[in-house]
Amino acid sequence: MTKFVFGMNQSLDGFVNHTALPTPSRTLFRHYVEQARAQTGSVYGRHLYELMRYWDEDRPEWDEDHRAFAAAWRKQPKWVVSRSLKSVGPNATLVSDDIGAILQALKDRLVGEIQVGGPHLARSLTALGLVDEYRLYVQPVVLGEGLRFFFDSRPPLRLVSSDRIDEDVILLTYASGESRR
């Protein structure tokens, strides 16, 4: 069975904003590359999927790590949850109706980890009991505003591990007591 994992960088005060958080260190970015290589796939909401489409085309300014991440991202299947999009890019499937049932079927059919992309989608999937694990990459900044890692859903959590990724980032991994297995 597949495990749905929601992970994002967040500030010390619980906000997620990729434009306000520090650029990932080389160590942290390599961690993301290895994670992307190991994933069975990703499920995105419209907004984050559109941001991630950046990785669909090679850029001349990329170094080896960026090219490696792009290759891993392109290779994995993606499911895009959206009622407004009419089409999606390569290796992606649009999911617009019966979202809970379709994603539960993925969990039942596939093996490995599927990354849940974005706090809005994670909130919806948490409410459906589909998120199995939360990975909080805590950054040493205070933002004071923005989107929160957790919205109104407050699942019961159990700390599974804490790992120092580089000199500034701590990864806290929590298992959800609510996920349907």
N, C-alpha and C. Protein backbone atom coordinates (compact mmCIF):
# COMPACT_ATOMS: atom_id res chain seq x y z
N MET A 1 0.84 -1.18 0.00
CA MET A 1 0.00 0.00 0.00
C MET A 1 0.89 1.24 0.00
N THR A 2 0.38 2.26 -0.62
CA THR A 2 1.09 3.53 -0.72
C THR A 2 0.85 4.38 0.52
N LYS A 3 1.87 5.12 0.89
CA LYS A 3 1.77 6.07 1.99
C LYS A 3 1.74 7.47 1.38
N PHE A 4 0.74 8.29 1.75
CA PHE A 4 0.68 9.68 1.33
C PHE A 4 1.43 10.52 2.34
N VAL A 5 2.38 11.32 1.85
CA VAL A 5 3.25 12.13 2.70
C VAL A 5 3.14 13.59 2.30
N PHE A 6 2.83 14.44 3.27
CA PHE A 6 2.83 15.89 3.04
C PHE A 6 4.05 16.47 3.73
N GLY A 7 4.93 17.07 2.95
CA GLY A 7 6.13 17.68 3.51
C GLY A 7 6.40 19.02 2.86
N MET A 8 6.77 20.00 3.68
CA MET A 8 7.12 21.33 3.16
C MET A 8 8.07 22.01 4.12
N ASN A 9 8.79 22.98 3.56
CA ASN A 9 9.57 23.87 4.40
C ASN A 9 8.61 24.78 5.14
N GLN A 10 8.94 25.08 6.39
CA GLN A 10 8.10 26.00 7.14
C GLN A 10 8.97 26.85 8.05
N SER A 11 8.45 28.01 8.39
CA SER A 11 9.13 28.91 9.31
C SER A 11 8.95 28.40 10.75
N LEU A 12 9.69 28.99 11.66
CA LEU A 12 9.55 28.61 13.07
C LEU A 12 8.14 28.87 13.59
N ASP A 13 7.46 29.85 13.01
CA ASP A 13 6.10 30.16 13.45
C ASP A 13 5.02 29.47 12.60
N GLY A 14 5.41 28.45 11.81
CA GLY A 14 4.44 27.58 11.17
C GLY A 14 3.95 27.97 9.80
N PHE A 15 4.59 28.94 9.14
CA PHE A 15 4.13 29.38 7.83
C PHE A 15 4.95 28.75 6.71
N VAL A 16 4.27 28.53 5.57
CA VAL A 16 4.94 27.99 4.38
C VAL A 16 4.83 29.03 3.28
N ASN A 17 5.96 29.49 2.79
CA ASN A 17 5.99 30.47 1.70
C ASN A 17 7.34 30.34 1.03
N HIS A 18 7.35 29.66 -0.11
CA HIS A 18 8.63 29.39 -0.77
C HIS A 18 9.36 30.65 -1.20
N THR A 19 8.64 31.76 -1.38
CA THR A 19 9.32 32.99 -1.79
C THR A 19 9.93 33.73 -0.60
N ALA A 20 9.49 33.44 0.63
CA ALA A 20 10.01 34.14 1.80
C ALA A 20 11.02 33.30 2.59
N LEU A 21 11.03 32.00 2.37
CA LEU A 21 11.97 31.14 3.09
C LEU A 21 13.32 31.13 2.37
N PRO A 22 14.39 30.82 3.10
CA PRO A 22 15.71 30.82 2.47
C PRO A 22 15.81 29.80 1.33
N THR A 23 16.66 30.10 0.37
CA THR A 23 16.97 29.16 -0.71
C THR A 23 17.58 27.92 -0.07
N PRO A 24 17.16 26.72 -0.47
CA PRO A 24 17.71 25.51 0.14
C PRO A 24 19.23 25.43 -0.05
N SER A 25 19.91 25.01 0.99
CA SER A 25 21.35 24.77 0.88
C SER A 25 21.58 23.61 -0.08
N ARG A 26 22.80 23.42 -0.49
CA ARG A 26 23.11 22.31 -1.39
C ARG A 26 22.77 20.96 -0.74
N THR A 27 23.05 20.84 0.55
CA THR A 27 22.74 19.61 1.28
C THR A 27 21.24 19.34 1.29
N LEU A 28 20.45 20.37 1.60
CA LEU A 28 19.00 20.22 1.63
C LEU A 28 18.46 19.91 0.24
N PHE A 29 18.97 20.59 -0.78
CA PHE A 29 18.48 20.34 -2.14
C PHE A 29 18.81 18.91 -2.58
N ARG A 30 19.98 18.42 -2.24
CA ARG A 30 20.32 17.03 -2.57
C ARG A 30 19.39 16.05 -1.85
N HIS A 31 19.00 16.39 -0.64
CA HIS A 31 18.02 15.59 0.09
C HIS A 31 16.72 15.52 -0.71
N TYR A 32 16.28 16.66 -1.26
CA TYR A 32 15.06 16.68 -2.08
C TYR A 32 15.22 15.85 -3.35
N VAL A 33 16.40 15.88 -3.94
CA VAL A 33 16.65 15.08 -5.15
C VAL A 33 16.48 13.60 -4.83
N GLU A 34 17.10 13.15 -3.75
CA GLU A 34 16.99 11.73 -3.37
C GLU A 34 15.56 11.35 -3.03
N GLN A 35 14.87 12.25 -2.38
CA GLN A 35 13.47 12.00 -2.04
C GLN A 35 12.64 11.87 -3.32
N ALA A 36 12.83 12.77 -4.27
CA ALA A 36 12.08 12.71 -5.53
C ALA A 36 12.38 11.42 -6.29
N ARG A 37 13.61 10.98 -6.26
CA ARG A 37 13.98 9.74 -6.94
C ARG A 37 13.27 8.53 -6.34
N ALA A 38 13.04 8.57 -5.04
CA ALA A 38 12.46 7.42 -4.33
C ALA A 38 10.93 7.40 -4.36
N GLN A 39 10.30 8.50 -4.71
CA GLN A 39 8.84 8.58 -4.65
C GLN A 39 8.17 7.77 -5.75
N THR A 40 7.03 7.21 -5.40
CA THR A 40 6.18 6.51 -6.37
C THR A 40 5.49 7.53 -7.28
N GLY A 41 5.25 8.72 -6.76
CA GLY A 41 4.61 9.77 -7.53
C GLY A 41 4.27 10.95 -6.63
N SER A 42 3.56 11.91 -7.20
CA SER A 42 3.14 13.10 -6.46
C SER A 42 1.71 13.44 -6.81
N VAL A 43 1.00 13.99 -5.84
CA VAL A 43 -0.34 14.52 -6.08
C VAL A 43 -0.30 16.00 -5.72
N TYR A 44 -0.78 16.82 -6.65
CA TYR A 44 -0.70 18.28 -6.50
C TYR A 44 -2.07 18.90 -6.65
N GLY A 45 -2.24 20.05 -6.01
CA GLY A 45 -3.33 20.94 -6.33
C GLY A 45 -2.89 21.79 -7.52
N ARG A 46 -3.82 22.52 -8.08
CA ARG A 46 -3.54 23.31 -9.28
C ARG A 46 -2.39 24.29 -9.10
N HIS A 47 -2.43 25.07 -8.03
CA HIS A 47 -1.45 26.14 -7.86
C HIS A 47 -0.02 25.60 -7.78
N LEU A 48 0.21 24.63 -6.91
CA LEU A 48 1.57 24.11 -6.77
C LEU A 48 2.00 23.36 -8.03
N TYR A 49 1.08 22.66 -8.66
CA TYR A 49 1.43 21.98 -9.91
C TYR A 49 1.92 22.98 -10.95
N GLU A 50 1.22 24.09 -11.07
CA GLU A 50 1.64 25.11 -12.04
C GLU A 50 3.02 25.66 -11.71
N LEU A 51 3.33 25.81 -10.43
CA LEU A 51 4.69 26.24 -10.05
C LEU A 51 5.72 25.16 -10.38
N MET A 52 5.37 23.92 -10.14
CA MET A 52 6.31 22.82 -10.36
C MET A 52 6.55 22.55 -11.85
N ARG A 53 5.69 23.01 -12.72
CA ARG A 53 5.89 22.85 -14.16
C ARG A 53 7.21 23.49 -14.61
N TYR A 54 7.77 24.32 -13.77
CA TYR A 54 9.11 24.89 -14.00
C TYR A 54 10.11 23.79 -14.35
N TRP A 55 9.95 22.61 -13.76
CA TRP A 55 10.90 21.52 -13.94
C TRP A 55 10.69 20.74 -15.24
N ASP A 56 9.68 21.08 -16.01
CA ASP A 56 9.41 20.36 -17.26
C ASP A 56 10.43 20.63 -18.36
N GLU A 57 11.07 21.77 -18.32
CA GLU A 57 12.03 22.12 -19.37
C GLU A 57 13.38 22.48 -18.76
N ASP A 58 14.44 21.96 -19.37
CA ASP A 58 15.79 22.26 -18.89
C ASP A 58 16.10 23.75 -19.01
N ARG A 59 16.88 24.23 -18.06
CA ARG A 59 17.30 25.63 -18.04
C ARG A 59 18.82 25.68 -18.10
N PRO A 60 19.39 26.58 -18.88
CA PRO A 60 20.85 26.63 -19.03
C PRO A 60 21.58 26.95 -17.72
N GLU A 61 20.94 27.63 -16.79
CA GLU A 61 21.60 28.02 -15.54
C GLU A 61 21.64 26.91 -14.49
N TRP A 62 20.99 25.79 -14.76
CA TRP A 62 20.95 24.71 -13.78
C TRP A 62 22.29 24.03 -13.62
N ASP A 63 22.56 23.64 -12.38
CA ASP A 63 23.74 22.82 -12.11
C ASP A 63 23.32 21.34 -12.13
N GLU A 64 24.24 20.46 -11.81
CA GLU A 64 23.98 19.02 -11.85
C GLU A 64 22.82 18.62 -10.93
N ASP A 65 22.75 19.20 -9.74
CA ASP A 65 21.68 18.87 -8.79
C ASP A 65 20.31 19.27 -9.33
N HIS A 66 20.22 20.43 -9.94
CA HIS A 66 18.94 20.87 -10.50
C HIS A 66 18.51 19.99 -11.66
N ARG A 67 19.46 19.59 -12.49
CA ARG A 67 19.12 18.68 -13.59
C ARG A 67 18.67 17.33 -13.04
N ALA A 68 19.30 16.87 -11.96
CA ALA A 68 18.93 15.59 -11.35
C ALA A 68 17.52 15.67 -10.77
N PHE A 69 17.19 16.78 -10.11
CA PHE A 69 15.84 16.92 -9.57
C PHE A 69 14.81 16.94 -10.70
N ALA A 70 15.09 17.69 -11.75
CA ALA A 70 14.16 17.77 -12.89
C ALA A 70 13.94 16.39 -13.49
N ALA A 71 14.99 15.61 -13.64
CA ALA A 71 14.85 14.26 -14.22
C ALA A 71 13.98 13.38 -13.33
N ALA A 72 14.19 13.46 -12.02
CA ALA A 72 13.39 12.65 -11.08
C ALA A 72 11.94 13.10 -11.10
N TRP A 73 11.72 14.41 -11.15
CA TRP A 73 10.35 14.94 -11.15
C TRP A 73 9.62 14.55 -12.42
N ARG A 74 10.29 14.64 -13.55
CA ARG A 74 9.66 14.30 -14.83
C ARG A 74 9.31 12.81 -14.90
N LYS A 75 10.16 11.98 -14.31
CA LYS A 75 9.99 10.53 -14.39
C LYS A 75 8.77 10.04 -13.62
N GLN A 76 8.50 10.65 -12.47
CA GLN A 76 7.42 10.13 -11.63
C GLN A 76 6.04 10.55 -12.11
N PRO A 77 5.06 9.66 -11.94
CA PRO A 77 3.69 10.04 -12.29
C PRO A 77 3.17 11.10 -11.33
N LYS A 78 2.30 11.96 -11.88
CA LYS A 78 1.71 13.03 -11.09
C LYS A 78 0.20 13.00 -11.28
N TRP A 79 -0.52 13.25 -10.20
CA TRP A 79 -1.97 13.38 -10.25
C TRP A 79 -2.28 14.80 -9.81
N VAL A 80 -3.03 15.52 -10.61
CA VAL A 80 -3.29 16.93 -10.36
C VAL A 80 -4.78 17.10 -10.04
N VAL A 81 -5.05 17.53 -8.82
CA VAL A 81 -6.42 17.72 -8.36
C VAL A 81 -6.84 19.14 -8.69
N SER A 82 -7.78 19.27 -9.62
CA SER A 82 -8.24 20.59 -10.04
C SER A 82 -9.57 20.48 -10.77
N ARG A 83 -10.44 21.42 -10.47
CA ARG A 83 -11.69 21.51 -11.22
C ARG A 83 -11.60 22.59 -12.29
N SER A 84 -10.55 23.41 -12.24
CA SER A 84 -10.43 24.51 -13.21
C SER A 84 -9.52 24.17 -14.39
N LEU A 85 -8.51 23.33 -14.18
CA LEU A 85 -7.63 22.96 -15.29
C LEU A 85 -8.38 22.05 -16.26
N LYS A 86 -8.07 22.19 -17.52
CA LYS A 86 -8.67 21.33 -18.55
C LYS A 86 -7.68 20.29 -19.05
N SER A 87 -6.39 20.55 -18.84
CA SER A 87 -5.36 19.59 -19.26
C SER A 87 -4.14 19.77 -18.36
N VAL A 88 -3.29 18.74 -18.36
CA VAL A 88 -2.05 18.77 -17.59
C VAL A 88 -0.90 18.31 -18.49
N GLY A 89 0.31 18.50 -18.01
CA GLY A 89 1.49 18.20 -18.81
C GLY A 89 1.88 16.74 -18.83
N PRO A 90 3.10 16.49 -19.28
CA PRO A 90 3.60 15.12 -19.42
C PRO A 90 3.58 14.34 -18.10
N ASN A 91 3.26 13.08 -18.22
CA ASN A 91 3.29 12.15 -17.09
C ASN A 91 2.38 12.58 -15.94
N ALA A 92 1.30 13.28 -16.27
CA ALA A 92 0.36 13.77 -15.26
C ALA A 92 -1.06 13.39 -15.65
N THR A 93 -1.87 13.15 -14.62
CA THR A 93 -3.28 12.79 -14.80
C THR A 93 -4.13 13.80 -14.05
N LEU A 94 -5.13 14.33 -14.71
CA LEU A 94 -6.03 15.29 -14.09
C LEU A 94 -7.10 14.54 -13.29
N VAL A 95 -7.29 14.96 -12.03
CA VAL A 95 -8.30 14.39 -11.15
C VAL A 95 -9.24 15.53 -10.78
N SER A 96 -10.47 15.48 -11.29
CA SER A 96 -11.39 16.59 -11.04
C SER A 96 -12.67 16.17 -10.32
N ASP A 97 -12.99 14.88 -10.33
CA ASP A 97 -14.20 14.41 -9.66
C ASP A 97 -13.86 13.21 -8.78
N ASP A 98 -14.69 13.01 -7.76
CA ASP A 98 -14.54 11.85 -6.86
C ASP A 98 -13.11 11.70 -6.35
N ILE A 99 -12.56 12.81 -5.91
CA ILE A 99 -11.15 12.90 -5.52
C ILE A 99 -10.79 11.88 -4.45
N GLY A 100 -11.58 11.80 -3.38
CA GLY A 100 -11.30 10.87 -2.29
C GLY A 100 -11.22 9.43 -2.76
N ALA A 101 -12.17 9.02 -3.57
CA ALA A 101 -12.20 7.63 -4.05
C ALA A 101 -11.03 7.34 -4.98
N ILE A 102 -10.71 8.29 -5.86
CA ILE A 102 -9.60 8.07 -6.80
C ILE A 102 -8.28 7.97 -6.06
N LEU A 103 -8.06 8.87 -5.11
CA LEU A 103 -6.79 8.84 -4.38
C LEU A 103 -6.72 7.65 -3.43
N GLN A 104 -7.82 7.25 -2.85
CA GLN A 104 -7.83 6.04 -2.02
C GLN A 104 -7.48 4.83 -2.87
N ALA A 105 -7.99 4.78 -4.10
CA ALA A 105 -7.67 3.67 -5.01
C ALA A 105 -6.18 3.64 -5.33
N LEU A 106 -5.56 4.82 -5.48
CA LEU A 106 -4.10 4.88 -5.69
C LEU A 106 -3.37 4.29 -4.49
N LYS A 107 -3.81 4.67 -3.29
CA LYS A 107 -3.19 4.15 -2.07
C LYS A 107 -3.28 2.64 -2.01
N ASP A 108 -4.43 2.11 -2.40
CA ASP A 108 -4.65 0.67 -2.33
C ASP A 108 -3.89 -0.10 -3.40
N ARG A 109 -3.67 0.54 -4.56
CA ARG A 109 -3.10 -0.16 -5.71
C ARG A 109 -1.58 -0.04 -5.80
N LEU A 110 -1.01 1.10 -5.41
CA LEU A 110 0.42 1.34 -5.59
C LEU A 110 1.21 1.01 -4.32
N VAL A 111 2.51 0.97 -4.46
CA VAL A 111 3.41 0.71 -3.35
C VAL A 111 4.44 1.84 -3.29
N GLY A 112 4.76 2.30 -2.09
CA GLY A 112 5.77 3.33 -1.93
C GLY A 112 5.18 4.58 -1.31
N GLU A 113 5.78 5.72 -1.66
CA GLU A 113 5.33 7.01 -1.13
C GLU A 113 4.86 7.91 -2.25
N ILE A 114 3.74 8.56 -2.00
CA ILE A 114 3.26 9.60 -2.90
C ILE A 114 3.30 10.91 -2.13
N GLN A 115 4.02 11.87 -2.68
CA GLN A 115 4.15 13.18 -2.07
C GLN A 115 2.88 13.97 -2.31
N VAL A 116 2.33 14.56 -1.26
CA VAL A 116 1.18 15.45 -1.35
C VAL A 116 1.74 16.86 -1.42
N GLY A 117 1.43 17.58 -2.49
CA GLY A 117 2.01 18.90 -2.70
C GLY A 117 1.07 20.04 -2.36
N GLY A 118 1.43 20.81 -1.36
CA GLY A 118 0.72 22.03 -1.04
C GLY A 118 -0.20 21.94 0.15
N PRO A 119 -0.26 23.01 0.95
CA PRO A 119 -1.06 22.99 2.17
C PRO A 119 -2.57 22.95 1.93
N HIS A 120 -3.06 23.54 0.84
CA HIS A 120 -4.50 23.49 0.57
C HIS A 120 -4.94 22.06 0.28
N LEU A 121 -4.19 21.39 -0.59
CA LEU A 121 -4.52 20.00 -0.91
C LEU A 121 -4.34 19.12 0.33
N ALA A 122 -3.27 19.34 1.08
CA ALA A 122 -3.04 18.54 2.30
C ALA A 122 -4.19 18.69 3.28
N ARG A 123 -4.74 19.89 3.38
CA ARG A 123 -5.88 20.11 4.28
C ARG A 123 -7.06 19.25 3.85
N SER A 124 -7.35 19.24 2.54
CA SER A 124 -8.46 18.44 2.03
C SER A 124 -8.22 16.95 2.24
N LEU A 125 -7.01 16.49 1.95
CA LEU A 125 -6.70 15.07 2.09
C LEU A 125 -6.62 14.66 3.56
N THR A 126 -6.20 15.57 4.44
CA THR A 126 -6.21 15.29 5.87
C THR A 126 -7.65 15.10 6.34
N ALA A 127 -8.54 15.96 5.89
CA ALA A 127 -9.96 15.85 6.27
C ALA A 127 -10.55 14.53 5.80
N LEU A 128 -10.04 13.99 4.69
CA LEU A 128 -10.51 12.70 4.18
C LEU A 128 -9.79 11.51 4.84
N GLY A 129 -8.84 11.81 5.72
CA GLY A 129 -8.09 10.75 6.39
C GLY A 129 -7.08 10.05 5.49
N LEU A 130 -6.59 10.73 4.46
CA LEU A 130 -5.69 10.09 3.49
C LEU A 130 -4.21 10.35 3.74
N VAL A 131 -3.85 11.37 4.50
CA VAL A 131 -2.44 11.68 4.72
C VAL A 131 -1.91 10.82 5.85
N ASP A 132 -0.85 10.06 5.56
CA ASP A 132 -0.26 9.14 6.53
C ASP A 132 0.88 9.75 7.32
N GLU A 133 1.59 10.70 6.70
CA GLU A 133 2.79 11.23 7.34
C GLU A 133 2.97 12.70 6.96
N TYR A 134 3.49 13.46 7.92
CA TYR A 134 3.76 14.88 7.74
C TYR A 134 5.24 15.11 8.00
N ARG A 135 5.90 15.80 7.06
CA ARG A 135 7.33 16.12 7.20
C ARG A 135 7.49 17.63 7.21
N LEU A 136 7.89 18.12 8.36
CA LEU A 136 8.06 19.55 8.55
C LEU A 136 9.55 19.87 8.50
N TYR A 137 9.97 20.60 7.48
CA TYR A 137 11.35 21.05 7.34
C TYR A 137 11.41 22.43 7.98
N VAL A 138 11.82 22.48 9.23
CA VAL A 138 11.77 23.72 10.00
C VAL A 138 12.99 24.57 9.68
N GLN A 139 12.70 25.79 9.19
CA GLN A 139 13.73 26.75 8.79
C GLN A 139 13.90 27.80 9.90
N PRO A 140 15.09 28.34 10.09
CA PRO A 140 15.34 29.30 11.17
C PRO A 140 14.93 30.73 10.84
N VAL A 141 13.66 30.91 10.47
CA VAL A 141 13.14 32.24 10.18
C VAL A 141 11.74 32.36 10.79
N VAL A 142 11.34 33.59 11.06
CA VAL A 142 9.98 33.88 11.53
C VAL A 142 9.34 34.77 10.46
N LEU A 143 8.24 34.30 9.89
CA LEU A 143 7.58 35.04 8.81
C LEU A 143 6.45 35.93 9.31
N GLY A 144 5.72 35.49 10.32
CA GLY A 144 4.66 36.30 10.88
C GLY A 144 3.36 36.30 10.12
N GLU A 145 3.36 35.77 8.88
CA GLU A 145 2.13 35.73 8.10
C GLU A 145 2.29 34.79 6.92
N GLY A 146 1.15 34.46 6.31
CA GLY A 146 1.15 33.61 5.13
C GLY A 146 0.30 32.38 5.35
N LEU A 147 0.49 31.40 4.49
CA LEU A 147 -0.21 30.12 4.63
C LEU A 147 0.42 29.31 5.75
N ARG A 148 -0.40 28.64 6.50
CA ARG A 148 0.10 27.77 7.56
C ARG A 148 0.29 26.36 7.03
N PHE A 149 1.22 25.63 7.62
CA PHE A 149 1.44 24.23 7.28
C PHE A 149 0.16 23.45 7.56
N PHE A 150 -0.43 23.67 8.73
CA PHE A 150 -1.72 23.08 9.09
C PHE A 150 -2.77 24.17 9.09
N PHE A 151 -3.88 23.92 8.43
CA PHE A 151 -5.01 24.85 8.43
C PHE A 151 -5.91 24.46 9.59
N ASP A 152 -7.19 24.25 9.27
CA ASP A 152 -8.17 23.91 10.29
C ASP A 152 -8.10 22.45 10.72
N SER A 153 -7.51 21.60 9.90
CA SER A 153 -7.39 20.18 10.26
C SER A 153 -6.27 20.01 11.27
N ARG A 154 -6.57 19.35 12.35
CA ARG A 154 -5.58 19.10 13.39
C ARG A 154 -5.55 17.60 13.68
N PRO A 155 -4.88 16.84 12.82
CA PRO A 155 -4.86 15.40 13.03
C PRO A 155 -4.05 15.02 14.26
N PRO A 156 -4.41 13.93 14.91
CA PRO A 156 -3.55 13.45 16.00
C PRO A 156 -2.24 12.97 15.38
N LEU A 157 -1.13 13.43 15.94
CA LEU A 157 0.18 13.12 15.38
C LEU A 157 1.07 12.42 16.39
N ARG A 158 1.96 11.59 15.87
CA ARG A 158 2.95 10.90 16.69
C ARG A 158 4.31 11.12 16.06
N LEU A 159 5.25 11.68 16.83
CA LEU A 159 6.59 11.93 16.32
C LEU A 159 7.28 10.61 15.98
N VAL A 160 7.73 10.51 14.73
CA VAL A 160 8.40 9.31 14.26
C VAL A 160 9.91 9.50 14.27
N SER A 161 10.36 10.70 13.85
CA SER A 161 11.80 10.97 13.85
C SER A 161 12.06 12.47 13.79
N SER A 162 13.27 12.82 14.18
CA SER A 162 13.77 14.18 14.00
C SER A 162 15.20 14.05 13.49
N ASP A 163 15.47 14.76 12.40
CA ASP A 163 16.77 14.65 11.74
C ASP A 163 17.28 16.04 11.38
N ARG A 164 18.54 16.24 11.64
CA ARG A 164 19.17 17.48 11.21
C ARG A 164 19.63 17.29 9.77
N ILE A 165 19.09 18.10 8.85
CA ILE A 165 19.42 17.95 7.44
C ILE A 165 20.69 18.71 7.09
N ASP A 166 20.82 19.92 7.57
CA ASP A 166 22.05 20.69 7.41
C ASP A 166 22.22 21.54 8.66
N GLU A 167 23.07 22.55 8.61
CA GLU A 167 23.33 23.31 9.82
C GLU A 167 22.14 24.11 10.33
N ASP A 168 21.13 24.35 9.48
CA ASP A 168 20.01 25.17 9.89
C ASP A 168 18.64 24.51 9.84
N VAL A 169 18.51 23.37 9.20
CA VAL A 169 17.19 22.78 8.96
C VAL A 169 17.02 21.48 9.73
N ILE A 170 15.91 21.39 10.45
CA ILE A 170 15.53 20.19 11.17
C ILE A 170 14.30 19.59 10.48
N LEU A 171 14.33 18.31 10.22
CA LEU A 171 13.19 17.60 9.66
C LEU A 171 12.49 16.87 10.78
N LEU A 172 11.22 17.23 11.01
CA LEU A 172 10.38 16.54 11.98
C LEU A 172 9.38 15.70 11.20
N THR A 173 9.35 14.41 11.47
CA THR A 173 8.45 13.50 10.77
C THR A 173 7.42 12.98 11.76
N TYR A 174 6.14 13.18 11.41
CA TYR A 174 5.04 12.76 12.26
C TYR A 174 4.13 11.80 11.49
N ALA A 175 3.70 10.73 12.15
CA ALA A 175 2.70 9.84 11.58
C ALA A 175 1.33 10.31 12.03
N SER A 176 0.37 10.16 11.16
CA SER A 176 -1.00 10.55 11.47
C SER A 176 -1.74 9.37 12.05
N GLY A 177 -2.50 9.63 13.10
CA GLY A 177 -3.33 8.59 13.68
C GLY A 177 -4.66 8.46 12.97
N GLU A 178 -4.94 9.34 11.98
CA GLU A 178 -6.22 9.37 11.30
C GLU A 178 -6.21 8.73 9.93
N SER A 179 -5.05 8.44 9.37
CA SER A 179 -5.05 7.97 7.98
C SER A 179 -5.76 6.63 7.87
N ARG A 180 -6.47 6.46 6.75
CA ARG A 180 -7.15 5.19 6.46
C ARG A 180 -6.13 4.25 5.84
N ARG A 181 -5.99 3.10 6.36
CA ARG A 181 -5.01 2.14 5.83
C ARG A 181 -5.68 0.97 5.24
